[in-house]
C-alpha atoms as a PDB file:
ATOM      1  CA  ALA A   1     -24.865  62.394 128.770  1.00  0.00           C
ATOM      2  CA  VAL A   2     -22.758  61.778 131.604  1.00  0.00           C
ATOM      3  CA  VAL A   3     -24.404  58.798 132.196  1.00  0.00           C
ATOM      4  CA  SER A   4     -24.810  57.637 129.188  1.00  0.00           C
ATOM      5  CA  THR A   5     -20.752  58.123 129.508  1.00  0.00           C
ATOM      6  CA  GLN A   6     -19.423  56.222 131.929  1.00  0.00           C
ATOM      7  CA  SER A   7     -21.795  53.245 130.962  1.00  0.00           C
ATOM      8  CA  GLY A   8     -20.100  53.190 127.675  1.00  0.00           C
ATOM      9  CA  HIS A   9     -16.432  53.439 129.879  1.00  0.00           C
ATOM     10  CA  TYR A  10     -17.625  50.148 132.165  1.00  0.00           C
ATOM     11  CA  GLY A  11     -19.202  48.516 129.164  1.00  0.00           C
ATOM     12  CA  ARG A  12     -15.060  47.981 128.167  1.00  0.00           C
ATOM     13  CA  ALA A  13     -13.713  47.348 131.521  1.00  0.00           C
ATOM     14  CA  ASP A  14     -15.883  44.286 131.758  1.00  0.00           C
ATOM     15  CA  GLY A  15     -14.758  43.044 128.828  1.00  0.00           C
ATOM     16  CA  LYS A  16     -17.626  43.389 126.374  1.00  0.00           C
ATOM     17  CA  LEU A  17     -15.322  44.289 123.651  1.00  0.00           C
ATOM     18  CA  PRO A  18     -13.950  41.470 121.039  1.00  0.00           C
ATOM     19  CA  VAL A  19      -9.438  41.413 122.367  1.00  0.00           C
ATOM     20  CA  ASN A  20      -7.180  42.636 119.486  1.00  0.00           C
ATOM     21  CA  HIS A  21      -5.632  39.838 119.055  1.00  0.00           C
ATOM     22  CA  PRO A  22      -2.367  41.931 117.280  1.00  0.00           C
ATOM     23  CA  ILE A  23      -2.009  43.619 119.985  1.00  0.00           C
ATOM     24  CA  ILE A  24      -1.708  40.409 122.120  1.00  0.00           C
ATOM     25  CA  TYR A  25       0.729  39.424 119.599  1.00  0.00           C
ATOM     26  CA  GLN A  26       2.798  42.312 119.645  1.00  0.00           C
ATOM     27  CA  LEU A  27       2.712  41.954 124.027  1.00  0.00           C
ATOM     28  CA  GLN A  28       3.683  38.776 123.485  1.00  0.00           C
ATOM     29  CA  ASP A  29       6.859  38.924 121.549  1.00  0.00           C
ATOM     30  CA  VAL A  30       7.973  41.875 123.779  1.00  0.00           C
ATOM     31  CA  PHE A  31       7.545  39.851 126.998  1.00  0.00           C
ATOM     32  CA  ASN A  32       9.745  37.184 124.693  1.00  0.00           C
ATOM     33  CA  LEU A  33      12.669  39.441 123.751  1.00  0.00           C
ATOM     34  CA  LEU A  34      13.207  40.403 127.388  1.00  0.00           C
ATOM     35  CA  PRO A  35      16.663  39.291 128.511  1.00  0.00           C
ATOM     36  CA  ASN A  36      16.892  36.296 131.347  1.00  0.00           C
ATOM     37  CA  LEU A  37      17.875  38.665 134.645  1.00  0.00           C
ATOM     38  CA  ASN A  38      18.188  35.658 136.582  1.00  0.00           C
ATOM     39  CA  VAL A  39      21.599  34.558 135.428  1.00  0.00           C
ATOM     40  CA  PRO A  40      24.026  34.700 138.189  1.00  0.00           C
ATOM     41  CA  ASP A  41      26.509  36.180 135.953  1.00  0.00           C
ATOM     42  CA  LEU A  42      24.757  38.568 134.401  1.00  0.00           C
ATOM     43  CA  MET A  43      23.024  39.715 138.051  1.00  0.00           C
ATOM     44  CA  LYS A  44      27.029  40.036 139.618  1.00  0.00           C
ATOM     45  CA  ALA A  45      28.187  41.971 136.137  1.00  0.00           C
ATOM     46  CA  PHE A  46      24.784  44.194 136.511  1.00  0.00           C
ATOM     47  CA  THR A  47      25.974  44.991 140.769  1.00  0.00           C
ATOM     48  CA  VAL A  48      29.537  45.452 140.024  1.00  0.00           C
ATOM     49  CA  LYS A  49      28.341  47.857 137.752  1.00  0.00           C
ATOM     50  CA  THR A  50      26.265  49.646 139.747  1.00  0.00           C
ATOM     51  CA  ASN A  51      28.390  49.639 142.580  1.00  0.00           C
ATOM     52  CA  ASP A  52      31.226  51.672 139.953  1.00  0.00           C
ATOM     53  CA  GLN A  53      29.068  54.125 138.967  1.00  0.00           C
ATOM     54  CA  ASN A  54      27.813  54.811 143.210  1.00  0.00           C
ATOM     55  CA  LEU A  55      31.764  54.869 143.962  1.00  0.00           C
ATOM     56  CA  VAL A  56      32.060  57.494 141.069  1.00  0.00           C
ATOM     57  CA  MET A  57      29.648  59.501 142.103  1.00  0.00           C
ATOM     58  CA  TYR A  58      30.146  58.812 145.839  1.00  0.00           C
ATOM     59  CA  THR A  59      33.805  60.047 145.004  1.00  0.00           C
ATOM     60  CA  ALA A  60      32.678  63.488 142.998  1.00  0.00           C
ATOM     61  CA  SER A  61      30.774  64.106 145.561  1.00  0.00           C
ATOM     62  CA  ILE A  62      33.509  63.746 148.447  1.00  0.00           C
ATOM     63  CA  ILE A  63      35.764  65.961 145.931  1.00  0.00           C
ATOM     64  CA  ARG A  64      33.175  68.847 145.401  1.00  0.00           C
ATOM     65  CA  ALA A  65      32.758  69.364 149.238  1.00  0.00           C
ATOM     66  CA  VAL A  66      36.281  69.588 149.102  1.00  0.00           C
ATOM     67  CA  ILE A  67      36.824  71.795 147.102  1.00  0.00           C
ATOM     68  CA  ALA A  68      33.663  73.918 148.301  1.00  0.00           C
ATOM     69  CA  LEU A  69      34.982  73.900 151.424  1.00  0.00           C
ATOM     70  CA  HIS A  70      38.736  74.633 150.160  1.00  0.00           C
ATOM     71  CA  SER A  71      37.590  77.687 148.641  1.00  0.00           C
ATOM     72  CA  LEU A  72      35.760  78.836 151.903  1.00  0.00           C
ATOM     73  CA  ILE A  73      38.860  78.818 154.044  1.00  0.00           C
ATOM     74  CA  ASN A  74      40.115  81.088 151.235  1.00  0.00           C
ATOM     75  CA  ASN A  75      37.591  83.394 151.403  1.00  0.00           C
ATOM     76  CA  LYS A  76      37.955  83.599 154.886  1.00  0.00           C
ATOM     77  CA  THR A  77      41.233  84.265 154.987  1.00  0.00           C
ATOM     78  CA  THR A  78      41.142  86.812 152.155  1.00  0.00           C
ATOM     79  CA  ASN A  79      38.047  88.752 153.983  1.00  0.00           C
ATOM     80  CA  ARG A  80      40.111  88.995 157.284  1.00  0.00           C
ATOM     81  CA  ALA A  81      43.765  89.964 155.702  1.00  0.00           C
ATOM     82  CA  ALA A  82      41.369  92.845 153.466  1.00  0.00           C
ATOM     83  CA  GLU A  83      39.788  94.081 157.443  1.00  0.00           C
ATOM     84  CA  LYS A  84      43.163  94.154 159.035  1.00  0.00           C
ATOM     85  CA  GLU A  85      44.685  96.391 156.088  1.00  0.00           C
ATOM     86  CA  GLY A  86      41.139  98.151 156.761  1.00  0.00           C
ATOM     87  CA  SER A  87      41.855  98.502 160.565  1.00  0.00           C
ATOM     88  CA  LYS A  88      45.737  99.853 159.762  1.00  0.00           C
ATOM     89  CA  LYS A  89      44.158 101.572 157.008  1.00  0.00           C
ATOM     90  CA  ILE A  90      41.560 103.232 159.007  1.00  0.00           C
ATOM     91  CA  GLU A  91      44.318 103.725 162.278  1.00  0.00           C
ATOM     92  CA  VAL A  92      46.637 105.496 159.415  1.00  0.00           C
ATOM     93  CA  GLU A  93      44.545 107.832 158.698  1.00  0.00           C
ATOM     94  CA  LYS A  94      43.540 108.861 162.310  1.00  0.00           C
ATOM     95  CA  GLU A  95      47.002 109.312 162.757  1.00  0.00           C
ATOM     96  CA  ASP A  96      47.543 111.378 159.708  1.00  0.00           C
ATOM     97  CA  LYS A  97      44.500 113.335 160.715  1.00  0.00           C
ATOM     98  CA  GLU A  98      45.501 113.789 163.938  1.00  0.00           C
ATOM     99  CA  GLU A  99      49.123 115.250 163.309  1.00  0.00           C
ATOM    100  CA  LYS A 100      47.108 117.599 160.985  1.00  0.00           C
ATOM    101  CA  GLU A 101      45.353 119.272 163.646  1.00  0.00           C
ATOM    102  CA  LYS A 102      48.060 119.108 165.445  1.00  0.00           C
ATOM    103  CA  ASP A 103      50.193 120.905 162.913  1.00  0.00           C
ATOM    104  CA  THR A 104      47.226 123.330 162.547  1.00  0.00           C
ATOM    105  CA  LYS A 105      46.997 124.138 166.316  1.00  0.00           C
ATOM    106  CA  GLU A 106      50.775 124.773 166.155  1.00  0.00           C
ATOM    107  CA  ASP A 107      50.262 126.638 163.763  1.00  0.00           C
ATOM    108  CA  SER A 108      47.710 128.800 164.514  1.00  0.00           C
ATOM    109  CA  ASN A 109      49.924 129.168 168.152  1.00  0.00           C
ATOM    110  CA  LYS A 110      52.459 130.442 166.080  1.00  0.00           C
ATOM    111  CA  LYS A 111      50.062 133.523 164.413  1.00  0.00           C
ATOM    112  CA  GLU A 112      49.001 134.232 167.702  1.00  0.00           C
ATOM    113  CA  VAL A 113      52.368 134.588 169.303  1.00  0.00           C
ATOM    114  CA  LYS A 114      53.985 136.624 166.300  1.00  0.00           C
ATOM    115  CA  SER A 115      50.732 138.962 166.487  1.00  0.00           C
END
């Protein structure tokens, strides 16, 4: 079954089938309707248009990168400020804790002296 199928495909590729003229006419019409791209003015216009589009894409990518870097720098400064505040809060909390411990020690010492 496989051999007969393959021989059928090879028969089509060898040119044993008749030419389908309506398809050939359609292809000929399609190729005749294509514009002539070898005109210098048309080539220059395509080049200018392509260069303009590439310039817009390049500018947009640069702007996007600058905005991303700006956001990154803002985020970094915010994180540093938060770290500084956090370390200050921790220091203040330690100082408060030490003061409370001193106060409780002093209070306990005063109670012992009174007793």
